[in-house]
Protein backbone atom coordinates (compact mmCIF):
# COMPACT_ATOMS: atom_id res chain seq x y z
CA MET A 1 1.63 15.60 -18.84
CA LYS A 2 0.02 16.16 -15.28
CA TYR A 3 -3.01 13.89 -15.75
CA LEU A 4 -0.81 10.59 -16.94
CA THR A 5 1.64 11.32 -13.75
CA GLY A 6 -0.92 11.05 -11.62
CA LEU A 7 -2.65 8.35 -13.29
CA SER A 8 0.17 6.67 -13.54
CA GLY A 9 1.35 6.91 -10.04
CA LEU A 10 -2.55 5.82 -9.02
CA VAL A 11 -1.99 2.92 -10.86
CA PHE A 12 1.44 2.26 -9.47
CA GLY A 13 -0.16 2.87 -5.84
CA ALA A 14 -2.87 0.71 -6.27
CA SER A 15 -1.22 -2.17 -8.05
CA MET A 16 1.66 -2.05 -4.95
CA PHE A 17 -1.21 -1.70 -1.80
CA ALA A 18 -2.87 -4.98 -3.81
CA LEU A 19 0.15 -6.72 -4.07
CA SER A 20 0.95 -6.12 -0.56
CA PHE A 21 -1.87 -8.02 0.53
CA VAL A 22 -2.03 -11.21 -2.18
CA ILE A 23 1.36 -11.81 -0.23
CA ALA A 24 0.42 -10.98 3.16
CA ALA A 25 -3.00 -13.27 2.67
CA GLU A 26 -0.33 -15.57 0.80
CA THR A 27 2.31 -15.27 4.21
CA VAL A 28 -0.50 -16.00 6.97
CA LEU A 29 -2.39 -18.71 4.61
CA ARG A 30 0.77 -20.47 4.63
CA LYS A 31 2.26 -20.03 7.89
CA PHE A 32 -1.17 -20.85 10.06
CA PHE A 33 -2.84 -23.03 7.28
CA ALA A 34 -0.76 -25.04 5.53
CA PHE A 35 -2.26 -23.82 2.14
CA SER A 36 -1.28 -21.37 -0.45
CA LEU A 37 -2.85 -20.33 -2.80
CA GLY A 38 0.21 -20.67 -5.97
CA GLY A 39 1.23 -17.91 -7.97
CA VAL A 40 1.99 -15.23 -5.84
CA ASP A 41 5.18 -14.83 -6.63
CA GLU A 42 4.12 -14.98 -10.46
CA LEU A 43 1.52 -12.09 -9.89
CA SER A 44 4.44 -10.38 -8.54
CA GLY A 45 6.66 -10.70 -11.21
CA TYR A 46 3.95 -9.14 -13.39
CA ALA A 47 3.41 -6.54 -11.11
CA VAL A 48 6.64 -4.92 -10.57
CA ALA A 49 7.24 -5.39 -14.27
CA ILE A 50 4.17 -3.56 -15.58
CA VAL A 51 4.46 -1.14 -13.15
CA ALA A 52 8.26 0.21 -12.77
CA PRO A 53 7.64 2.14 -16.80
CA LEU A 54 4.54 3.98 -14.93
CA THR A 55 6.98 4.43 -11.92
CA PHE A 56 9.38 6.08 -14.93
CA LEU A 57 7.81 7.76 -16.19
CA VAL A 58 6.70 9.92 -12.78
CA THR A 59 9.92 10.16 -11.96
CA ALA A 60 11.20 11.84 -15.96
CA ALA A 61 7.83 14.06 -15.80
CA GLU A 62 8.11 15.41 -12.35
CA GLN A 63 12.54 15.59 -12.29
CA ALA A 64 12.13 13.49 -8.76
CA HIS A 65 14.93 10.89 -10.81
CA ILE A 66 18.41 11.61 -7.71
CA ARG A 67 20.54 14.13 -8.42
CA ILE A 68 24.51 14.98 -7.70
CA ASN A 69 23.98 18.19 -8.44
CA LEU A 70 27.52 19.41 -5.97
CA LEU A 71 29.18 21.50 -9.84
CA HIS A 72 25.40 21.85 -12.03
CA ALA A 73 24.33 24.72 -9.11
CA LYS A 74 28.00 25.87 -9.82
CA LEU A 75 28.26 26.02 -13.68
CA PRO A 76 26.66 29.52 -15.18
CA LYS A 77 22.86 29.00 -16.34
CA ALA A 78 23.76 28.57 -20.09
CA VAL A 79 25.61 25.21 -19.73
CA ARG A 80 22.91 24.11 -17.04
CA ALA A 81 20.30 24.52 -18.95
CA VAL A 82 22.25 22.16 -22.80
CA LEU A 83 23.01 19.59 -19.85
CA ASN A 84 19.48 19.20 -18.95
CA ALA A 85 18.47 19.04 -22.55
CA ILE A 86 20.62 16.28 -23.13
CA SER A 87 19.78 14.41 -19.91
CA ALA A 88 16.43 14.75 -21.40
CA ILE A 89 17.85 13.51 -25.03
CA THR A 90 19.41 10.54 -23.60
CA LEU A 91 16.78 9.94 -21.03
CA ALA A 92 14.28 9.72 -24.02
CA LEU A 93 16.61 7.02 -26.81
CA LEU A 94 16.74 5.35 -23.49
CA ALA A 95 12.79 4.58 -23.47
CA LEU A 96 12.81 4.77 -25.93
CA PHE A 97 15.40 1.68 -26.54
CA LEU A 98 13.67 -0.60 -24.09
CA PHE A 99 10.65 -0.29 -25.48
CA TYR A 100 12.27 -1.73 -28.98
CA PHE A 101 13.65 -4.53 -26.08
CA THR A 102 9.99 -5.10 -24.67
CA VAL A 103 8.54 -5.40 -28.70
CA GLY A 104 11.27 -7.65 -29.61
CA THR A 105 10.86 -10.04 -25.99
CA VAL A 106 7.39 -10.30 -26.65
CA ALA A 107 7.04 -10.60 -30.15
CA ASP A 108 9.79 -13.51 -29.33
CA THR A 109 7.64 -14.79 -26.63
CA GLN A 110 4.46 -14.54 -29.01
CA ALA A 111 6.67 -16.61 -31.93
CA TYR A 112 7.11 -19.47 -29.11
CA ASN A 113 3.95 -19.47 -27.05
CA SER A 114 5.78 -19.12 -24.02
CA ILE A 115 4.27 -19.73 -20.73
CA ALA A 116 5.08 -19.23 -17.11
CA GLN A 117 7.02 -22.75 -15.75
CA THR A 118 4.42 -21.71 -12.54
CA PRO A 119 1.61 -23.67 -11.32
CA TRP A 120 -0.05 -21.44 -13.15
CA ALA A 121 1.33 -21.67 -16.40
CA THR A 122 0.23 -18.94 -17.62
CA PRO A 123 1.12 -17.81 -21.80
CA LEU A 124 3.39 -14.96 -21.44
CA VAL A 125 2.32 -12.84 -24.02
CA TYR A 126 -0.51 -11.40 -22.38
CA PRO A 127 1.37 -10.39 -19.01
CA GLN A 128 3.75 -8.81 -20.98
CA ALA A 129 1.59 -7.17 -23.68
CA VAL A 130 0.46 -5.21 -20.78
CA TRP A 131 4.09 -4.38 -19.95
CA LEU A 132 4.41 -3.50 -23.98
CA VAL A 133 1.62 -0.70 -23.57
CA ALA A 134 2.94 0.53 -20.29
CA MET A 135 6.77 0.57 -21.24
CA GLY A 136 5.10 2.43 -24.93
CA ILE A 137 3.63 4.58 -22.40
CA PHE A 138 6.80 5.63 -21.20
CA ALA A 139 8.42 6.01 -24.50
CA ILE A 140 5.89 8.98 -25.91
CA ALA A 141 6.30 10.96 -22.57
CA ALA A 142 9.89 10.38 -22.42
CA VAL A 143 10.08 11.26 -26.33
CA ILE A 144 7.79 14.45 -25.55
CA LEU A 145 9.42 15.98 -21.73
CA ALA A 146 12.70 15.60 -24.97
CA VAL A 147 11.49 17.59 -28.40
CA ARG A 148 10.08 19.60 -25.70
CA ALA A 149 13.37 20.13 -24.39
CA ILE A 150 14.82 20.36 -28.33
CA LEU A 151 12.36 23.30 -28.58
CA LEU A 152 13.30 24.99 -25.46
CA LEU A 153 16.94 24.66 -26.50
CA ALA A 154 16.45 25.86 -29.85
CA LYS A 155 14.30 29.39 -28.61
CA ARG A 156 17.89 29.85 -26.16
CA ASP A 157 15.68 29.95 -23.48
CA TRP A 158 18.36 28.80 -20.95
CA THR A 159 15.53 30.25 -17.89
CA VAL A 160 12.34 27.42 -19.18
CA LEU A 161 14.88 24.92 -19.79
CA ASP A 162 16.72 25.05 -16.53
CA ARG A 163 13.24 25.25 -14.50
CA ARG A 164 11.74 22.76 -16.21
CA TYR A 165 14.25 19.83 -16.87
CA GLY A 166 17.12 21.14 -13.61
CA PRO A 167 17.05 19.78 -10.83
CA GLY A 168 15.44 21.65 -7.92
CA SER A 169 17.30 24.09 -5.70
CA VAL A 170 18.53 22.97 -1.89
CA ASP A 171 15.51 25.41 -1.09
CA GLU A 172 12.88 24.86 -3.31
CA GLU A 173 13.41 20.94 -1.93
CA LEU A 174 13.72 21.93 1.58
CA GLN A 175 10.26 23.88 0.60
CA ALA A 176 8.39 21.39 -1.18
CA GLU A 177 9.14 18.96 1.59
CA LEU A 178 7.86 21.17 4.36
CA ASP A 179 5.75 22.05 2.23
CA ASP A 180 4.64 18.34 1.98
CA LEU A 181 5.02 17.80 5.73
CA HIS A 182 2.02 21.09 6.78
CA LYS A 183 -0.40 19.14 3.51
CA ARG A 184 0.01 15.44 6.53
CA GLN A 185 -0.53 17.49 9.66
CA ARG A 186 -3.57 19.02 8.04
CA ALA A 187 -4.95 16.16 6.97
C-alpha cells in the first residue's frame, strides 16, 4: 500500500505542477500576445477528475483526513476501535458507490458517443476511461483497508485497530509536524 500511495502522490503532484505551468502559460499568452492555447479549462477538468481519486487513496491509506476527535480520545479503546472499523467500512462503501457511478457515466458516454463541447471536441470516453481506472484503484484500496479493519475487528485486536485506523493524538501530530520541519530544514 505504501508504494501505491507514494506513486499516487507523485502522479498527483506532477499533474498539478504541469497543469499550473500550462495555466500560467495560457495566462501570459492571453495577456501579452492575445493568443490562447484553447482547451486549457477542459484539460484542467480532466486532470482534477483523474487525480482526485488518487488523492482519496493517499488520504485513506495514510489516515490523513480531517477528523474532529473531541470525543474520540475520551472513549474506551474498544469503542474507538469499533468506530474506526465502521469508518473504514463506510469509506469502502462510498468508494464502491463512486466506482459504480463512474462505470455508469462512462457507459452512457460510450453509448451516446459524447464529445466535449469545447474547441478540442474530445471524445469523452477517453478521459473518462482514465477517470474510471483511477476510481477503480481507489475503490480496491478502500476495500482492502476495510477488509483489514474487519479482520482486526474479528480478532478483537483493539490496539492495532485503533493505531492503524484511528486519528493520531495531538502529541503524535505535533511530533510528525516537527519531524517534517526538521527534514525540510536539512534539505
